[in-house]
Amino acid sequence: LNLVVVLGGDSTELSCNVRWRDEGEVGRVRLGLEFDSKQTGQVATIARALFQQAGAPDRARLAEAA
């Protein structure tokens, strides 16, 4: 599970790259969270907390965390 924070313009887009255990494929899950670009450090902290709460990176838990 790789966390990707994409900076663009005035906002920050939060997404992650996921390797699903059952299929071995890599997919990107867009969390739909946008922040002011000045809050990049806070975005990373929030994202880590979300994924720690989600536990194993399966589709249902990622959807719940988002």
N, C-alpha and C. Protein backbone atom coordinates (compact mmCIF):
# COMPACT_ATOMS: atom_id res chain seq x y z
N LEU A 1 0.86 -1.18 0.00
CA LEU A 1 0.00 0.00 0.00
C LEU A 1 0.90 1.22 0.00
N ASN A 2 0.85 1.98 -1.07
CA ASN A 2 1.63 3.21 -1.16
C ASN A 2 0.71 4.40 -1.16
N LEU A 3 1.03 5.37 -0.35
CA LEU A 3 0.24 6.58 -0.28
C LEU A 3 0.79 7.60 -1.26
N VAL A 4 -0.07 8.21 -2.03
CA VAL A 4 0.36 9.20 -3.01
C VAL A 4 -0.36 10.50 -2.73
N VAL A 5 0.39 11.56 -2.49
CA VAL A 5 -0.20 12.89 -2.34
C VAL A 5 0.19 13.68 -3.58
N VAL A 6 -0.80 14.08 -4.38
CA VAL A 6 -0.55 14.78 -5.62
C VAL A 6 -0.82 16.27 -5.43
N LEU A 7 0.20 17.07 -5.65
CA LEU A 7 0.05 18.52 -5.52
C LEU A 7 -0.26 19.12 -6.88
N GLY A 8 -1.26 19.98 -6.93
CA GLY A 8 -1.58 20.63 -8.19
C GLY A 8 -2.36 21.90 -7.93
N GLY A 9 -1.85 23.01 -8.40
CA GLY A 9 -2.55 24.28 -8.22
C GLY A 9 -2.68 24.64 -6.76
N ASP A 10 -3.89 24.97 -6.34
CA ASP A 10 -4.12 25.41 -4.96
C ASP A 10 -4.60 24.30 -4.05
N SER A 11 -4.78 23.09 -4.59
CA SER A 11 -5.31 22.02 -3.75
C SER A 11 -4.42 20.79 -3.78
N THR A 12 -4.63 19.92 -2.85
CA THR A 12 -3.88 18.69 -2.73
C THR A 12 -4.86 17.53 -2.89
N GLU A 13 -4.55 16.61 -3.77
CA GLU A 13 -5.40 15.44 -3.98
C GLU A 13 -4.76 14.25 -3.29
N LEU A 14 -5.55 13.50 -2.58
CA LEU A 14 -5.05 12.37 -1.83
C LEU A 14 -5.51 11.07 -2.47
N SER A 15 -4.57 10.21 -2.81
CA SER A 15 -4.93 8.91 -3.37
C SER A 15 -3.90 7.89 -2.91
N CYS A 16 -4.12 6.63 -3.21
CA CYS A 16 -3.16 5.62 -2.81
C CYS A 16 -3.07 4.54 -3.88
N ASN A 17 -1.92 3.90 -3.95
CA ASN A 17 -1.74 2.75 -4.82
C ASN A 17 -1.88 1.50 -3.97
N VAL A 18 -2.66 0.55 -4.44
CA VAL A 18 -2.95 -0.64 -3.64
C VAL A 18 -2.63 -1.90 -4.44
N ARG A 19 -1.98 -2.85 -3.80
CA ARG A 19 -1.82 -4.16 -4.40
C ARG A 19 -2.79 -5.09 -3.68
N TRP A 20 -3.83 -5.50 -4.37
CA TRP A 20 -4.85 -6.34 -3.74
C TRP A 20 -4.26 -7.72 -3.48
N ARG A 21 -4.44 -8.24 -2.29
CA ARG A 21 -3.87 -9.53 -1.92
C ARG A 21 -4.42 -10.67 -2.78
N ASP A 22 -5.73 -10.64 -3.03
CA ASP A 22 -6.36 -11.77 -3.71
C ASP A 22 -6.05 -11.83 -5.20
N GLU A 23 -5.78 -10.68 -5.82
CA GLU A 23 -5.61 -10.66 -7.27
C GLU A 23 -4.20 -10.29 -7.71
N GLY A 24 -3.41 -9.74 -6.80
CA GLY A 24 -2.05 -9.35 -7.15
C GLY A 24 -1.97 -8.18 -8.11
N GLU A 25 -3.07 -7.49 -8.32
CA GLU A 25 -3.06 -6.36 -9.24
C GLU A 25 -2.84 -5.06 -8.48
N VAL A 26 -2.37 -4.07 -9.20
CA VAL A 26 -2.15 -2.76 -8.58
C VAL A 26 -3.24 -1.82 -9.09
N GLY A 27 -3.90 -1.17 -8.18
CA GLY A 27 -4.94 -0.22 -8.55
C GLY A 27 -4.77 1.05 -7.76
N ARG A 28 -5.39 2.11 -8.22
CA ARG A 28 -5.33 3.38 -7.50
C ARG A 28 -6.70 3.69 -6.94
N VAL A 29 -6.74 4.03 -5.68
CA VAL A 29 -7.98 4.42 -5.03
C VAL A 29 -7.91 5.91 -4.75
N ARG A 30 -8.80 6.66 -5.33
CA ARG A 30 -8.83 8.10 -5.07
C ARG A 30 -9.74 8.33 -3.88
N LEU A 31 -9.21 8.95 -2.86
CA LEU A 31 -9.97 9.12 -1.63
C LEU A 31 -10.96 10.27 -1.69
N GLY A 32 -10.81 11.13 -2.69
CA GLY A 32 -11.75 12.23 -2.83
C GLY A 32 -11.59 13.30 -1.77
N LEU A 33 -10.43 13.35 -1.15
CA LEU A 33 -10.18 14.38 -0.14
C LEU A 33 -9.30 15.45 -0.75
N GLU A 34 -9.69 16.68 -0.62
CA GLU A 34 -8.87 17.77 -1.13
C GLU A 34 -8.56 18.75 -0.01
N PHE A 35 -7.34 19.22 0.01
CA PHE A 35 -6.88 20.14 1.03
C PHE A 35 -6.16 21.30 0.38
N ASP A 36 -6.05 22.39 1.09
CA ASP A 36 -5.23 23.50 0.64
C ASP A 36 -3.78 23.02 0.56
N SER A 37 -3.05 23.45 -0.47
CA SER A 37 -1.69 22.96 -0.67
C SER A 37 -0.75 23.31 0.48
N LYS A 38 -1.12 24.27 1.31
CA LYS A 38 -0.28 24.62 2.46
C LYS A 38 -0.40 23.59 3.58
N GLN A 39 -1.37 22.69 3.47
CA GLN A 39 -1.62 21.71 4.53
C GLN A 39 -1.04 20.33 4.19
N THR A 40 -0.04 20.28 3.33
CA THR A 40 0.48 18.99 2.85
C THR A 40 0.90 18.07 3.98
N GLY A 41 1.60 18.60 4.97
CA GLY A 41 2.03 17.78 6.10
C GLY A 41 0.86 17.19 6.85
N GLN A 42 -0.18 17.99 7.03
CA GLN A 42 -1.38 17.51 7.72
C GLN A 42 -2.08 16.44 6.90
N VAL A 43 -2.08 16.58 5.57
CA VAL A 43 -2.71 15.60 4.70
C VAL A 43 -2.04 14.24 4.89
N ALA A 44 -0.72 14.21 4.90
CA ALA A 44 -0.01 12.95 5.07
C ALA A 44 -0.33 12.31 6.41
N THR A 45 -0.40 13.12 7.46
CA THR A 45 -0.72 12.60 8.79
C THR A 45 -2.13 12.02 8.83
N ILE A 46 -3.08 12.74 8.26
CA ILE A 46 -4.47 12.27 8.22
C ILE A 46 -4.57 10.98 7.43
N ALA A 47 -3.88 10.93 6.29
CA ALA A 47 -3.93 9.75 5.44
C ALA A 47 -3.37 8.52 6.15
N ARG A 48 -2.25 8.69 6.83
CA ARG A 48 -1.67 7.55 7.57
C ARG A 48 -2.66 7.04 8.61
N ALA A 49 -3.30 7.96 9.31
CA ALA A 49 -4.27 7.57 10.34
C ALA A 49 -5.44 6.80 9.72
N LEU A 50 -5.92 7.26 8.56
CA LEU A 50 -7.02 6.57 7.89
C LEU A 50 -6.65 5.14 7.56
N PHE A 51 -5.46 4.93 7.00
CA PHE A 51 -5.07 3.59 6.58
C PHE A 51 -4.74 2.69 7.76
N GLN A 52 -4.21 3.27 8.84
CA GLN A 52 -3.97 2.47 10.03
C GLN A 52 -5.29 1.98 10.61
N GLN A 53 -6.31 2.83 10.60
CA GLN A 53 -7.63 2.44 11.09
C GLN A 53 -8.26 1.39 10.18
N ALA A 54 -7.98 1.51 8.88
CA ALA A 54 -8.58 0.59 7.92
C ALA A 54 -8.00 -0.81 8.05
N GLY A 55 -6.76 -0.92 8.54
CA GLY A 55 -6.15 -2.24 8.68
C GLY A 55 -5.69 -2.76 7.34
N ALA A 56 -5.98 -4.04 7.07
CA ALA A 56 -5.56 -4.66 5.81
C ALA A 56 -6.15 -3.90 4.63
N PRO A 57 -5.35 -3.73 3.58
CA PRO A 57 -5.82 -2.94 2.43
C PRO A 57 -6.78 -3.71 1.52
N ASP A 58 -7.96 -3.98 2.01
CA ASP A 58 -8.95 -4.58 1.12
C ASP A 58 -9.97 -3.52 0.71
N ARG A 59 -10.71 -3.82 -0.31
CA ARG A 59 -11.60 -2.81 -0.91
C ARG A 59 -12.62 -2.24 0.09
N ALA A 60 -13.24 -3.10 0.85
CA ALA A 60 -14.29 -2.66 1.77
C ALA A 60 -13.73 -1.71 2.83
N ARG A 61 -12.60 -2.07 3.39
CA ARG A 61 -12.03 -1.24 4.46
C ARG A 61 -11.53 0.09 3.92
N LEU A 62 -10.94 0.08 2.72
CA LEU A 62 -10.50 1.35 2.14
C LEU A 62 -11.70 2.25 1.86
N ALA A 63 -12.77 1.66 1.40
CA ALA A 63 -13.97 2.46 1.12
C ALA A 63 -14.51 3.06 2.42
N GLU A 64 -14.49 2.27 3.49
CA GLU A 64 -14.96 2.77 4.79
C GLU A 64 -14.07 3.92 5.27
N ALA A 65 -12.75 3.75 5.12
CA ALA A 65 -11.82 4.76 5.61
C ALA A 65 -11.99 6.07 4.83
N ALA A 66 -12.26 5.94 3.55
CA ALA A 66 -12.41 7.14 2.73
C ALA A 66 -13.71 7.83 3.07
